[in-house]
Every structure is written in structure tokens, then in C-alpha cells.
Full PDB file with SEQRES, HELIX, SHEET, SSBOND, CRYST1, ORIGX, SCALE, CONECT and MASTER records, all heavy atoms in Angstrom:
SEQRES   1 A   39  LEU ASN ARG VAL VAL GLU LEU THR ALA ARG ASP GLY ARG          
SEQRES   2 A   39  GLY VAL ALA HIS ALA LEU ALA LEU ALA ASN VAL ALA ASP          
SEQRES   3 A   39  TRP GLU LEU ILE PHE ASP ARG PRO GLN SER SER VAL GLU          
HELIX    1 AA1 ASN A    2  ARG A   10  1                                   9    
HELIX    2 AA2 GLY A   14  ILE A   30  1                                  17    
HELIX    3 AA3 PRO A   34  VAL A   38  1                                   5    
CRYST1    1.000    1.000    1.000  90.00  90.00  90.00 P 1           1          
ORIGX1      1.000000  0.000000  0.000000        0.00000                         
ORIGX2      0.000000  1.000000  0.000000        0.00000                         
ORIGX3      0.000000  0.000000  1.000000        0.00000                         
SCALE1      1.000000  0.000000  0.000000        0.00000                         
SCALE2      0.000000  1.000000  0.000000        0.00000                         
SCALE3      0.000000  0.000000  1.000000        0.00000                         
ATOM      1  N   LEU A   1       0.836  -1.206  -0.008  1.00  0.00           N  
ATOM      2  CA  LEU A   1       0.008   0.012   0.009  1.00  0.00           C  
ATOM      3  C   LEU A   1       0.847   1.249   0.013  1.00  0.00           C  
ATOM      4  O   LEU A   1       0.557   2.235  -0.681  1.00  0.00           O  
ATOM      5  CB  LEU A   1      -0.951  -0.013   1.193  1.00  0.00           C  
ATOM      6  CG  LEU A   1      -2.062  -1.066   1.147  1.00  0.00           C  
ATOM      7  CD1 LEU A   1      -2.770  -1.174   2.504  1.00  0.00           C  
ATOM      8  CD2 LEU A   1      -3.058  -0.727   0.047  1.00  0.00           C  
ATOM      9  N   ASN A   2       1.956   1.249   0.743  1.00  0.00           N  
ATOM     10  CA  ASN A   2       2.846   2.404   0.741  1.00  0.00           C  
ATOM     11  C   ASN A   2       3.494   2.622  -0.631  1.00  0.00           C  
ATOM     12  O   ASN A   2       3.748   3.763  -1.007  1.00  0.00           O  
ATOM     13  CB  ASN A   2       3.945   2.243   1.829  1.00  0.00           C  
ATOM     14  CG  ASN A   2       3.427   2.632   3.201  1.00  0.00           C  
ATOM     15  OD1 ASN A   2       2.555   3.463   3.316  1.00  0.00           O  
ATOM     16  ND2 ASN A   2       3.973   2.018   4.198  1.00  0.00           N  
ATOM     17  N   ARG A   3       3.707   1.555  -1.353  1.00  0.00           N  
ATOM     18  CA  ARG A   3       4.241   1.707  -2.725  1.00  0.00           C  
ATOM     19  C   ARG A   3       3.223   2.435  -3.582  1.00  0.00           C  
ATOM     20  O   ARG A   3       3.593   3.287  -4.399  1.00  0.00           O  
ATOM     21  CB  ARG A   3       4.586   0.301  -3.301  1.00  0.00           C  
ATOM     22  CG  ARG A   3       5.123   0.347  -4.663  1.00  0.00           C  
ATOM     23  CD  ARG A   3       6.573   0.859  -4.674  1.00  0.00           C  
ATOM     24  NE  ARG A   3       7.085   0.814  -6.036  1.00  0.00           N  
ATOM     25  CZ  ARG A   3       7.635   1.821  -6.629  1.00  0.00           C  
ATOM     26  NH1 ARG A   3       7.854   2.938  -5.995  1.00  0.00           N  
ATOM     27  NH2 ARG A   3       8.028   1.699  -7.885  1.00  0.00           N  
ATOM     28  N   VAL A   4       1.949   2.098  -3.443  1.00  0.00           N  
ATOM     29  CA  VAL A   4       0.908   2.815  -4.178  1.00  0.00           C  
ATOM     30  C   VAL A   4       0.913   4.295  -3.778  1.00  0.00           C  
ATOM     31  O   VAL A   4       0.780   5.182  -4.644  1.00  0.00           O  
ATOM     32  CB  VAL A   4      -0.481   2.170  -3.949  1.00  0.00           C  
ATOM     33  CG1 VAL A   4      -1.580   2.991  -4.608  1.00  0.00           C  
ATOM     34  CG2 VAL A   4      -0.494   0.739  -4.473  1.00  0.00           C  
ATOM     35  N   VAL A   5       1.053   4.576  -2.493  1.00  0.00           N  
ATOM     36  CA  VAL A   5       1.125   5.953  -2.021  1.00  0.00           C  
ATOM     37  C   VAL A   5       2.285   6.695  -2.716  1.00  0.00           C  
ATOM     38  O   VAL A   5       2.128   7.811  -3.223  1.00  0.00           O  
ATOM     39  CB  VAL A   5       1.257   6.027  -0.497  1.00  0.00           C  
ATOM     40  CG1 VAL A   5       1.599   7.419  -0.008  1.00  0.00           C  
ATOM     41  CG2 VAL A   5      -0.027   5.533   0.201  1.00  0.00           C  
ATOM     42  N   GLU A   6       3.447   6.071  -2.765  1.00  0.00           N  
ATOM     43  CA  GLU A   6       4.619   6.656  -3.426  1.00  0.00           C  
ATOM     44  C   GLU A   6       4.383   6.903  -4.890  1.00  0.00           C  
ATOM     45  O   GLU A   6       4.687   7.975  -5.426  1.00  0.00           O  
ATOM     46  CB  GLU A   6       5.828   5.744  -3.257  1.00  0.00           C  
ATOM     47  CG  GLU A   6       6.359   5.653  -1.843  1.00  0.00           C  
ATOM     48  CD  GLU A   6       7.394   4.539  -1.723  1.00  0.00           C  
ATOM     49  OE1 GLU A   6       7.904   4.039  -2.767  1.00  0.00           O  
ATOM     50  OE2 GLU A   6       7.674   4.146  -0.578  1.00  0.00           O  
ATOM     51  N   LEU A   7       3.787   5.935  -5.603  1.00  0.00           N  
ATOM     52  CA  LEU A   7       3.554   6.100  -7.017  1.00  0.00           C  
ATOM     53  C   LEU A   7       2.530   7.204  -7.333  1.00  0.00           C  
ATOM     54  O   LEU A   7       2.734   8.013  -8.241  1.00  0.00           O  
ATOM     55  CB  LEU A   7       3.054   4.795  -7.617  1.00  0.00           C  
ATOM     56  CG  LEU A   7       4.069   3.639  -7.682  1.00  0.00           C  
ATOM     57  CD1 LEU A   7       3.403   2.340  -8.088  1.00  0.00           C  
ATOM     58  CD2 LEU A   7       5.198   3.995  -8.676  1.00  0.00           C  
ATOM     59  N   THR A   8       1.485   7.293  -6.560  1.00  0.00           N  
ATOM     60  CA  THR A   8       0.482   8.321  -6.774  1.00  0.00           C  
ATOM     61  C   THR A   8       1.019   9.693  -6.426  1.00  0.00           C  
ATOM     62  O   THR A   8       0.652  10.690  -7.051  1.00  0.00           O  
ATOM     63  CB  THR A   8      -0.817   8.051  -6.024  1.00  0.00           C  
ATOM     64  OG1 THR A   8      -0.540   7.881  -4.643  1.00  0.00           O  
ATOM     65  CG2 THR A   8      -1.501   6.781  -6.551  1.00  0.00           C  
ATOM     66  N   ALA A   9       1.896   9.800  -5.420  1.00  0.00           N  
ATOM     67  CA  ALA A   9       2.499  11.072  -5.087  1.00  0.00           C  
ATOM     68  C   ALA A   9       3.448  11.528  -6.188  1.00  0.00           C  
ATOM     69  O   ALA A   9       3.422  12.699  -6.591  1.00  0.00           O  
ATOM     70  CB  ALA A   9       3.256  10.979  -3.776  1.00  0.00           C  
ATOM     71  N   ARG A  10       4.221  10.627  -6.679  1.00  0.00           N  
ATOM     72  CA  ARG A  10       5.184  10.932  -7.727  1.00  0.00           C  
ATOM     73  C   ARG A  10       4.502  11.356  -9.052  1.00  0.00           C  
ATOM     74  O   ARG A  10       4.958  12.244  -9.731  1.00  0.00           O  
ATOM     75  CB  ARG A  10       6.102   9.734  -7.999  1.00  0.00           C  
ATOM     76  CG  ARG A  10       7.230  10.067  -8.954  1.00  0.00           C  
ATOM     77  CD  ARG A  10       8.165   8.914  -9.176  1.00  0.00           C  
ATOM     78  NE  ARG A  10       7.458   7.839  -9.800  1.00  0.00           N  
ATOM     79  CZ  ARG A  10       7.688   6.531  -9.615  1.00  0.00           C  
ATOM     80  NH1 ARG A  10       8.600   6.139  -8.762  1.00  0.00           N  
ATOM     81  NH2 ARG A  10       7.008   5.614 -10.256  1.00  0.00           N  
ATOM     82  N   ASP A  11       3.383  10.703  -9.342  1.00  0.00           N  
ATOM     83  CA  ASP A  11       2.645  11.028 -10.569  1.00  0.00           C  
ATOM     84  C   ASP A  11       1.746  12.274 -10.424  1.00  0.00           C  
ATOM     85  O   ASP A  11       1.114  12.671 -11.405  1.00  0.00           O  
ATOM     86  CB  ASP A  11       1.761   9.822 -10.979  1.00  0.00           C  
ATOM     87  CG  ASP A  11       2.603   8.625 -11.388  1.00  0.00           C  
ATOM     88  OD1 ASP A  11       3.818   8.780 -11.607  1.00  0.00           O  
ATOM     89  OD2 ASP A  11       2.028   7.526 -11.445  1.00  0.00           O  
ATOM     90  N   GLY A  12       1.657  12.826  -9.222  1.00  0.00           N  
ATOM     91  CA  GLY A  12       0.861  14.014  -9.006  1.00  0.00           C  
ATOM     92  C   GLY A  12      -0.631  13.807  -9.103  1.00  0.00           C  
ATOM     93  O   GLY A  12      -1.367  14.697  -9.403  1.00  0.00           O  
ATOM     94  N   ARG A  13      -1.078  12.599  -8.810  1.00  0.00           N  
ATOM     95  CA  ARG A  13      -2.493  12.275  -8.846  1.00  0.00           C  
ATOM     96  C   ARG A  13      -3.064  12.507  -7.453  1.00  0.00           C  
ATOM     97  O   ARG A  13      -3.097  11.595  -6.634  1.00  0.00           O  
ATOM     98  CB  ARG A  13      -2.726  10.829  -9.326  1.00  0.00           C  
ATOM     99  CG  ARG A  13      -2.281  10.659 -10.765  1.00  0.00           C  
ATOM    100  CD  ARG A  13      -2.585   9.305 -11.298  1.00  0.00           C  
ATOM    101  NE  ARG A  13      -1.658   8.343 -10.696  1.00  0.00           N  
ATOM    102  CZ  ARG A  13      -1.820   7.051 -10.725  1.00  0.00           C  
ATOM    103  NH1 ARG A  13      -2.885   6.539 -11.270  1.00  0.00           N  
ATOM    104  NH2 ARG A  13      -0.925   6.263 -10.151  1.00  0.00           N  
ATOM    105  N   GLY A  14      -3.505  13.727  -7.167  1.00  0.00           N  
ATOM    106  CA  GLY A  14      -3.923  14.114  -5.842  1.00  0.00           C  
ATOM    107  C   GLY A  14      -5.027  13.270  -5.236  1.00  0.00           C  
ATOM    108  O   GLY A  14      -4.918  12.825  -4.080  1.00  0.00           O  
ATOM    109  N   VAL A  15      -6.114  13.029  -5.955  1.00  0.00           N  
ATOM    110  CA  VAL A  15      -7.209  12.238  -5.415  1.00  0.00           C  
ATOM    111  C   VAL A  15      -6.775  10.785  -5.204  1.00  0.00           C  
ATOM    112  O   VAL A  15      -7.039  10.217  -4.155  1.00  0.00           O  
ATOM    113  CB  VAL A  15      -8.447  12.323  -6.341  1.00  0.00           C  
ATOM    114  CG1 VAL A  15      -9.519  11.348  -5.899  1.00  0.00           C  
ATOM    115  CG2 VAL A  15      -8.992  13.718  -6.413  1.00  0.00           C  
ATOM    116  N   ALA A  16      -6.118  10.213  -6.167  1.00  0.00           N  
ATOM    117  CA  ALA A  16      -5.651   8.839  -6.011  1.00  0.00           C  
ATOM    118  C   ALA A  16      -4.649   8.728  -4.865  1.00  0.00           C  
ATOM    119  O   ALA A  16      -4.674   7.734  -4.120  1.00  0.00           O  
ATOM    120  CB  ALA A  16      -5.006   8.338  -7.327  1.00  0.00           C  
ATOM    121  N   HIS A  17      -3.816   9.732  -4.722  1.00  0.00           N  
ATOM    122  CA  HIS A  17      -2.831   9.701  -3.602  1.00  0.00           C  
ATOM    123  C   HIS A  17      -3.576   9.770  -2.271  1.00  0.00           C  
ATOM    124  O   HIS A  17      -3.223   9.015  -1.330  1.00  0.00           O  
ATOM    125  CB  HIS A  17      -1.872  10.887  -3.762  1.00  0.00           C  
ATOM    126  CG  HIS A  17      -0.895  10.995  -2.660  1.00  0.00           C  
ATOM    127  ND1 HIS A  17       0.131  10.071  -2.475  1.00  0.00           N  
ATOM    128  CD2 HIS A  17      -0.741  11.907  -1.655  1.00  0.00           C  
ATOM    129  CE1 HIS A  17       0.841  10.430  -1.414  1.00  0.00           C  
ATOM    130  NE2 HIS A  17       0.317  11.524  -0.890  1.00  0.00           N  
ATOM    131  N   ALA A  18      -4.543  10.636  -2.142  1.00  0.00           N  
ATOM    132  CA  ALA A  18      -5.299  10.758  -0.904  1.00  0.00           C  
ATOM    133  C   ALA A  18      -6.036   9.428  -0.549  1.00  0.00           C  
ATOM    134  O   ALA A  18      -6.019   9.003   0.596  1.00  0.00           O  
ATOM    135  CB  ALA A  18      -6.303  11.926  -0.973  1.00  0.00           C  
ATOM    136  N   LEU A  19      -6.613   8.819  -1.580  1.00  0.00           N  
ATOM    137  CA  LEU A  19      -7.306   7.577  -1.326  1.00  0.00           C  
ATOM    138  C   LEU A  19      -6.337   6.458  -0.989  1.00  0.00           C  
ATOM    139  O   LEU A  19      -6.637   5.556  -0.182  1.00  0.00           O  
ATOM    140  CB  LEU A  19      -8.175   7.149  -2.535  1.00  0.00           C  
ATOM    141  CG  LEU A  19      -9.391   8.081  -2.774  1.00  0.00           C  
ATOM    142  CD1 LEU A  19     -10.108   7.673  -4.077  1.00  0.00           C  
ATOM    143  CD2 LEU A  19     -10.325   8.073  -1.608  1.00  0.00           C  
ATOM    144  N   ALA A  20      -5.141   6.497  -1.547  1.00  0.00           N  
ATOM    145  CA  ALA A  20      -4.102   5.509  -1.209  1.00  0.00           C  
ATOM    146  C   ALA A  20      -3.709   5.701   0.271  1.00  0.00           C  
ATOM    147  O   ALA A  20      -3.548   4.694   1.003  1.00  0.00           O  
ATOM    148  CB  ALA A  20      -2.883   5.672  -2.101  1.00  0.00           C  
ATOM    149  N   LEU A  21      -3.646   6.928   0.738  1.00  0.00           N  
ATOM    150  CA  LEU A  21      -3.321   7.153   2.149  1.00  0.00           C  
ATOM    151  C   LEU A  21      -4.479   6.619   3.035  1.00  0.00           C  
ATOM    152  O   LEU A  21      -4.234   6.050   4.104  1.00  0.00           O  
ATOM    153  CB  LEU A  21      -3.128   8.665   2.411  1.00  0.00           C  
ATOM    154  CG  LEU A  21      -1.812   9.240   1.935  1.00  0.00           C  
ATOM    155  CD1 LEU A  21      -1.873  10.772   1.950  1.00  0.00           C  
ATOM    156  CD2 LEU A  21      -0.667   8.728   2.789  1.00  0.00           C  
ATOM    157  N   ALA A  22      -5.710   6.825   2.599  1.00  0.00           N  
ATOM    158  CA  ALA A  22      -6.871   6.307   3.367  1.00  0.00           C  
ATOM    159  C   ALA A  22      -6.795   4.787   3.426  1.00  0.00           C  
ATOM    160  O   ALA A  22      -7.138   4.182   4.449  1.00  0.00           O  
ATOM    161  CB  ALA A  22      -8.181   6.754   2.749  1.00  0.00           C  
ATOM    162  N   ASN A  23      -6.373   4.130   2.325  1.00  0.00           N  
ATOM    163  CA  ASN A  23      -6.274   2.684   2.320  1.00  0.00           C  
ATOM    164  C   ASN A  23      -5.197   2.185   3.296  1.00  0.00           C  
ATOM    165  O   ASN A  23      -5.376   1.179   3.965  1.00  0.00           O  
ATOM    166  CB  ASN A  23      -6.015   2.165   0.912  1.00  0.00           C  
ATOM    167  CG  ASN A  23      -7.205   2.270   0.026  1.00  0.00           C  
ATOM    168  OD1 ASN A  23      -8.350   2.258   0.477  1.00  0.00           O  
ATOM    169  ND2 ASN A  23      -6.993   2.390  -1.263  1.00  0.00           N  
ATOM    170  N   VAL A  24      -4.089   2.926   3.397  1.00  0.00           N  
ATOM    171  CA  VAL A  24      -3.064   2.608   4.370  1.00  0.00           C  
ATOM    172  C   VAL A  24      -3.658   2.721   5.790  1.00  0.00           C  
ATOM    173  O   VAL A  24      -3.443   1.857   6.630  1.00  0.00           O  
ATOM    174  CB  VAL A  24      -1.812   3.467   4.214  1.00  0.00           C  
ATOM    175  CG1 VAL A  24      -0.828   3.257   5.393  1.00  0.00           C  
ATOM    176  CG2 VAL A  24      -1.093   3.184   2.904  1.00  0.00           C  
ATOM    177  N   ALA A  25      -4.403   3.794   6.028  1.00  0.00           N  
ATOM    178  CA  ALA A  25      -5.031   3.960   7.339  1.00  0.00           C  
ATOM    179  C   ALA A  25      -6.030   2.832   7.624  1.00  0.00           C  
ATOM    180  O   ALA A  25      -6.070   2.328   8.770  1.00  0.00           O  
ATOM    181  CB  ALA A  25      -5.763   5.331   7.391  1.00  0.00           C  
ATOM    182  N   ASP A  26      -6.820   2.436   6.634  1.00  0.00           N  
ATOM    183  CA  ASP A  26      -7.725   1.300   6.825  1.00  0.00           C  
ATOM    184  C   ASP A  26      -6.956   0.056   7.205  1.00  0.00           C  
ATOM    185  O   ASP A  26      -7.347  -0.669   8.115  1.00  0.00           O  
ATOM    186  CB  ASP A  26      -8.532   1.026   5.554  1.00  0.00           C  
ATOM    187  CG  ASP A  26      -9.591   2.070   5.243  1.00  0.00           C  
ATOM    188  OD1 ASP A  26      -9.882   2.901   6.117  1.00  0.00           O  
ATOM    189  OD2 ASP A  26     -10.091   2.051   4.108  1.00  0.00           O  
ATOM    190  N   TRP A  27      -5.850  -0.186   6.507  1.00  0.00           N  
ATOM    191  CA  TRP A  27      -5.005  -1.382   6.777  1.00  0.00           C  
ATOM    192  C   TRP A  27      -4.510  -1.345   8.247  1.00  0.00           C  
ATOM    193  O   TRP A  27      -4.521  -2.364   8.934  1.00  0.00           O  
ATOM    194  CB  TRP A  27      -3.867  -1.424   5.777  1.00  0.00           C  
ATOM    195  CG  TRP A  27      -3.050  -2.659   5.809  1.00  0.00           C  
ATOM    196  CD1 TRP A  27      -1.823  -2.837   6.383  1.00  0.00           C  
ATOM    197  CD2 TRP A  27      -3.399  -3.935   5.260  1.00  0.00           C  
ATOM    198  NE1 TRP A  27      -1.383  -4.135   6.191  1.00  0.00           N  
ATOM    199  CE2 TRP A  27      -2.330  -4.827   5.533  1.00  0.00           C  
ATOM    200  CE3 TRP A  27      -4.525  -4.391   4.581  1.00  0.00           C  
ATOM    201  CZ2 TRP A  27      -2.370  -6.133   5.132  1.00  0.00           C  
ATOM    202  CZ3 TRP A  27      -4.545  -5.711   4.181  1.00  0.00           C  
ATOM    203  CH2 TRP A  27      -3.472  -6.557   4.454  1.00  0.00           C  
ATOM    204  N   GLU A  28      -4.098  -0.160   8.657  1.00  0.00           N  
ATOM    205  CA  GLU A  28      -3.608  -0.028  10.028  1.00  0.00           C  
ATOM    206  C   GLU A  28      -4.698  -0.299  11.041  1.00  0.00           C  
ATOM    207  O   GLU A  28      -4.459  -0.949  12.072  1.00  0.00           O  
ATOM    208  CB  GLU A  28      -2.992   1.363  10.235  1.00  0.00           C  
ATOM    209  CG  GLU A  28      -1.724   1.551   9.447  1.00  0.00           C  
ATOM    210  CD  GLU A  28      -1.299   2.995   9.276  1.00  0.00           C  
ATOM    211  OE1 GLU A  28      -2.120   3.903   9.428  1.00  0.00           O  
ATOM    212  OE2 GLU A  28      -0.085   3.208   9.050  1.00  0.00           O  
ATOM    213  N   LEU A  29      -5.900   0.179  10.755  1.00  0.00           N  
ATOM    214  CA  LEU A  29      -7.021  -0.116  11.675  1.00  0.00           C  
ATOM    215  C   LEU A  29      -7.377  -1.571  11.707  1.00  0.00           C  
ATOM    216  O   LEU A  29      -7.656  -2.137  12.761  1.00  0.00           O  
ATOM    217  CB  LEU A  29      -8.293   0.685  11.284  1.00  0.00           C  
ATOM    218  CG  LEU A  29      -8.402   2.108  11.824  1.00  0.00           C  
ATOM    219  CD1 LEU A  29      -9.774   2.641  11.480  1.00  0.00           C  
ATOM    220  CD2 LEU A  29      -8.145   2.173  13.312  1.00  0.00           C  
ATOM    221  N   ILE A  30      -7.379  -2.214  10.540  1.00  0.00           N  
ATOM    222  CA  ILE A  30      -7.692  -3.635  10.474  1.00  0.00           C  
ATOM    223  C   ILE A  30      -6.730  -4.419  11.362  1.00  0.00           C  
ATOM    224  O   ILE A  30      -7.137  -5.374  12.035  1.00  0.00           O  
ATOM    225  CB  ILE A  30      -7.671  -4.154   9.016  1.00  0.00           C  
ATOM    226  CG1 ILE A  30      -8.851  -3.595   8.245  1.00  0.00           C  
ATOM    227  CG2 ILE A  30      -7.643  -5.675   8.966  1.00  0.00           C  
ATOM    228  CD1 ILE A  30      -8.783  -3.804   6.735  1.00  0.00           C  
ATOM    229  N   PHE A  31      -5.484  -4.006  11.400  1.00  0.00           N  
ATOM    230  CA  PHE A  31      -4.472  -4.690  12.199  1.00  0.00           C  
ATOM    231  C   PHE A  31      -4.277  -3.988  13.582  1.00  0.00           C  
ATOM    232  O   PHE A  31      -3.251  -4.187  14.216  1.00  0.00           O  
ATOM    233  CB  PHE A  31      -3.153  -4.792  11.465  1.00  0.00           C  
ATOM    234  CG  PHE A  31      -3.153  -5.861  10.439  1.00  0.00           C  
ATOM    235  CD1 PHE A  31      -3.551  -5.600   9.128  1.00  0.00           C  
ATOM    236  CD2 PHE A  31      -2.800  -7.175  10.770  1.00  0.00           C  
ATOM    237  CE1 PHE A  31      -3.586  -6.612   8.163  1.00  0.00           C  
ATOM    238  CE2 PHE A  31      -2.815  -8.175   9.841  1.00  0.00           C  
ATOM    239  CZ  PHE A  31      -3.196  -7.879   8.520  1.00  0.00           C  
ATOM    240  N   ASP A  32      -5.289  -3.244  14.014  1.00  0.00           N  
ATOM    241  CA  ASP A  32      -5.345  -2.668  15.342  1.00  0.00           C  
ATOM    242  C   ASP A  32      -4.119  -1.752  15.658  1.00  0.00           C  
ATOM    243  O   ASP A  32      -3.513  -1.867  16.712  1.00  0.00           O  
ATOM    244  CB  ASP A  32      -5.473  -3.791  16.403  1.00  0.00           C  
ATOM    245  CG  ASP A  32      -6.117  -3.248  17.685  1.00  0.00           C  
ATOM    246  OD1 ASP A  32      -6.853  -2.245  17.604  1.00  0.00           O  
ATOM    247  OD2 ASP A  32      -5.892  -3.862  18.767  1.00  0.00           O  
ATOM    248  N   ARG A  33      -3.849  -0.833  14.763  1.00  0.00           N  
ATOM    249  CA  ARG A  33      -2.825   0.168  14.955  1.00  0.00           C  
ATOM    250  C   ARG A  33      -3.458   1.555  14.765  1.00  0.00           C  
ATOM    251  O   ARG A  33      -3.154   2.259  13.792  1.00  0.00           O  
ATOM    252  CB  ARG A  33      -1.668  -0.071  13.995  1.00  0.00           C  
ATOM    253  CG  ARG A  33      -0.868  -1.299  14.421  1.00  0.00           C  
ATOM    254  CD  ARG A  33       0.055  -1.761  13.328  1.00  0.00           C  
ATOM    255  NE  ARG A  33       1.016  -2.761  13.770  1.00  0.00           N  
ATOM    256  CZ  ARG A  33       0.742  -4.016  13.998  1.00  0.00           C  
ATOM    257  NH1 ARG A  33      -0.487  -4.468  13.824  1.00  0.00           N  
ATOM    258  NH2 ARG A  33       1.656  -4.883  14.344  1.00  0.00           N  
ATOM    259  N   PRO A  34      -4.323   1.936  15.666  1.00  0.00           N  
ATOM    260  CA  PRO A  34      -5.117   3.181  15.468  1.00  0.00           C  
ATOM    261  C   PRO A  34      -4.297   4.466  15.514  1.00  0.00           C  
ATOM    262  O   PRO A  34      -4.632   5.418  14.853  1.00  0.00           O  
ATOM    263  CB  PRO A  34      -6.142   3.152  16.609  1.00  0.00           C  
ATOM    264  CG  PRO A  34      -5.567   2.259  17.647  1.00  0.00           C  
ATOM    265  CD  PRO A  34      -4.726   1.229  16.904  1.00  0.00           C  
ATOM    266  N   GLN A  35      -3.223   4.502  16.285  1.00  0.00           N  
ATOM    267  CA  GLN A  35      -2.445   5.742  16.363  1.00  0.00           C  
ATOM    268  C   GLN A  35      -1.892   6.137  14.999  1.00  0.00           C  
ATOM    269  O   GLN A  35      -1.917   7.297  14.648  1.00  0.00           O  
ATOM    270  CB  GLN A  35      -1.323   5.628  17.404  1.00  0.00           C  
ATOM    271  CG  GLN A  35      -1.779   5.710  18.827  1.00  0.00           C  
ATOM    272  CD  GLN A  35      -2.321   4.374  19.341  1.00  0.00           C  
ATOM    273  OE1 GLN A  35      -2.162   3.344  18.694  1.00  0.00           O  
ATOM    274  NE2 GLN A  35      -2.983   4.406  20.495  1.00  0.00           N  
ATOM    275  N   SER A  36      -1.321   5.192  14.271  1.00  0.00           N  
ATOM    276  CA  SER A  36      -0.740   5.496  12.979  1.00  0.00           C  
ATOM    277  C   SER A  36      -1.813   5.764  11.930  1.00  0.00           C  
ATOM    278  O   SER A  36      -1.586   6.512  10.994  1.00  0.00           O  
ATOM    279  CB  SER A  36       0.229   4.415  12.530  1.00  0.00           C  
ATOM    280  OG  SER A  36      -0.402   3.160  12.558  1.00  0.00           O  
ATOM    281  N   SER A  37      -2.996   5.190  12.090  1.00  0.00           N  
ATOM    282  CA  SER A  37      -4.052   5.426  11.120  1.00  0.00           C  
ATOM    283  C   SER A  37      -4.623   6.843  11.203  1.00  0.00           C  
ATOM    284  O   SER A  37      -4.982   7.416  10.173  1.00  0.00           O  
ATOM    285  CB  SER A  37      -5.211   4.422  11.319  1.00  0.00           C  
ATOM    286  OG  SER A  37      -5.902   4.648  12.479  1.00  0.00           O  
ATOM    287  N   VAL A  38      -4.617   7.442  12.383  1.00  0.00           N  
ATOM    288  CA  VAL A  38      -5.168   8.787  12.549  1.00  0.00           C  
ATOM    289  C   VAL A  38      -4.467   9.769  11.631  1.00  0.00           C  
ATOM    290  O   VAL A  38      -5.096  10.572  10.914  1.00  0.00           O  
ATOM    291  CB  VAL A  38      -5.090   9.238  14.025  1.00  0.00           C  
ATOM    292  CG1 VAL A  38      -5.409  10.718  14.173  1.00  0.00           C  
ATOM    293  CG2 VAL A  38      -6.030   8.411  14.868  1.00  0.00           C  
ATOM    294  N   GLU A  39      -3.154   9.754  11.615  1.00  0.00           N  
ATOM    295  CA  GLU A  39      -2.394  10.705  10.796  1.00  0.00           C  
ATOM    296  C   GLU A  39      -2.616  10.475   9.317  1.00  0.00           C  
ATOM    297  O   GLU A  39      -2.765  11.414   8.533  1.00  0.00           O  
ATOM    298  CB  GLU A  39      -0.899  10.615  11.106  1.00  0.00           C  
ATOM    299  CG  GLU A  39      -0.094  11.683  10.364  1.00  0.00           C  
ATOM    300  CD  GLU A  39      -0.505  13.121  10.622  1.00  0.00           C  
ATOM    301  OE1 GLU A  39      -1.133  13.413  11.678  1.00  0.00           O  
ATOM    302  OE2 GLU A  39      -0.200  13.957   9.772  1.00  0.00           O  
TER     303      GLU A  39                                                      
MASTER        0    0    0    3    0    0    0    6  302    1    0    3          
END                                                                             
């Protein structure tokens, strides 16, 4: 998921980048890591 975040940031795709960050946050919540998901 972080690789997708990097690719979307590099390509300047703002909406896709933001959704990729949300997916990382979802992943963190699924694995019970709420502190890192908040940011």
C-alpha cells in the first residue's frame, strides 16, 4: 500500500494519492494500529 502511495505522489495524482493514504489507514485499523491510522 505504501508503494501505491509513493507512485500516486510521484505522478501528481492528488485524489488517487489521498485515497491511497486512506487505504493505508484502513489497513492499520484492520491490524489494530489506530495511532498511525489517525495521521
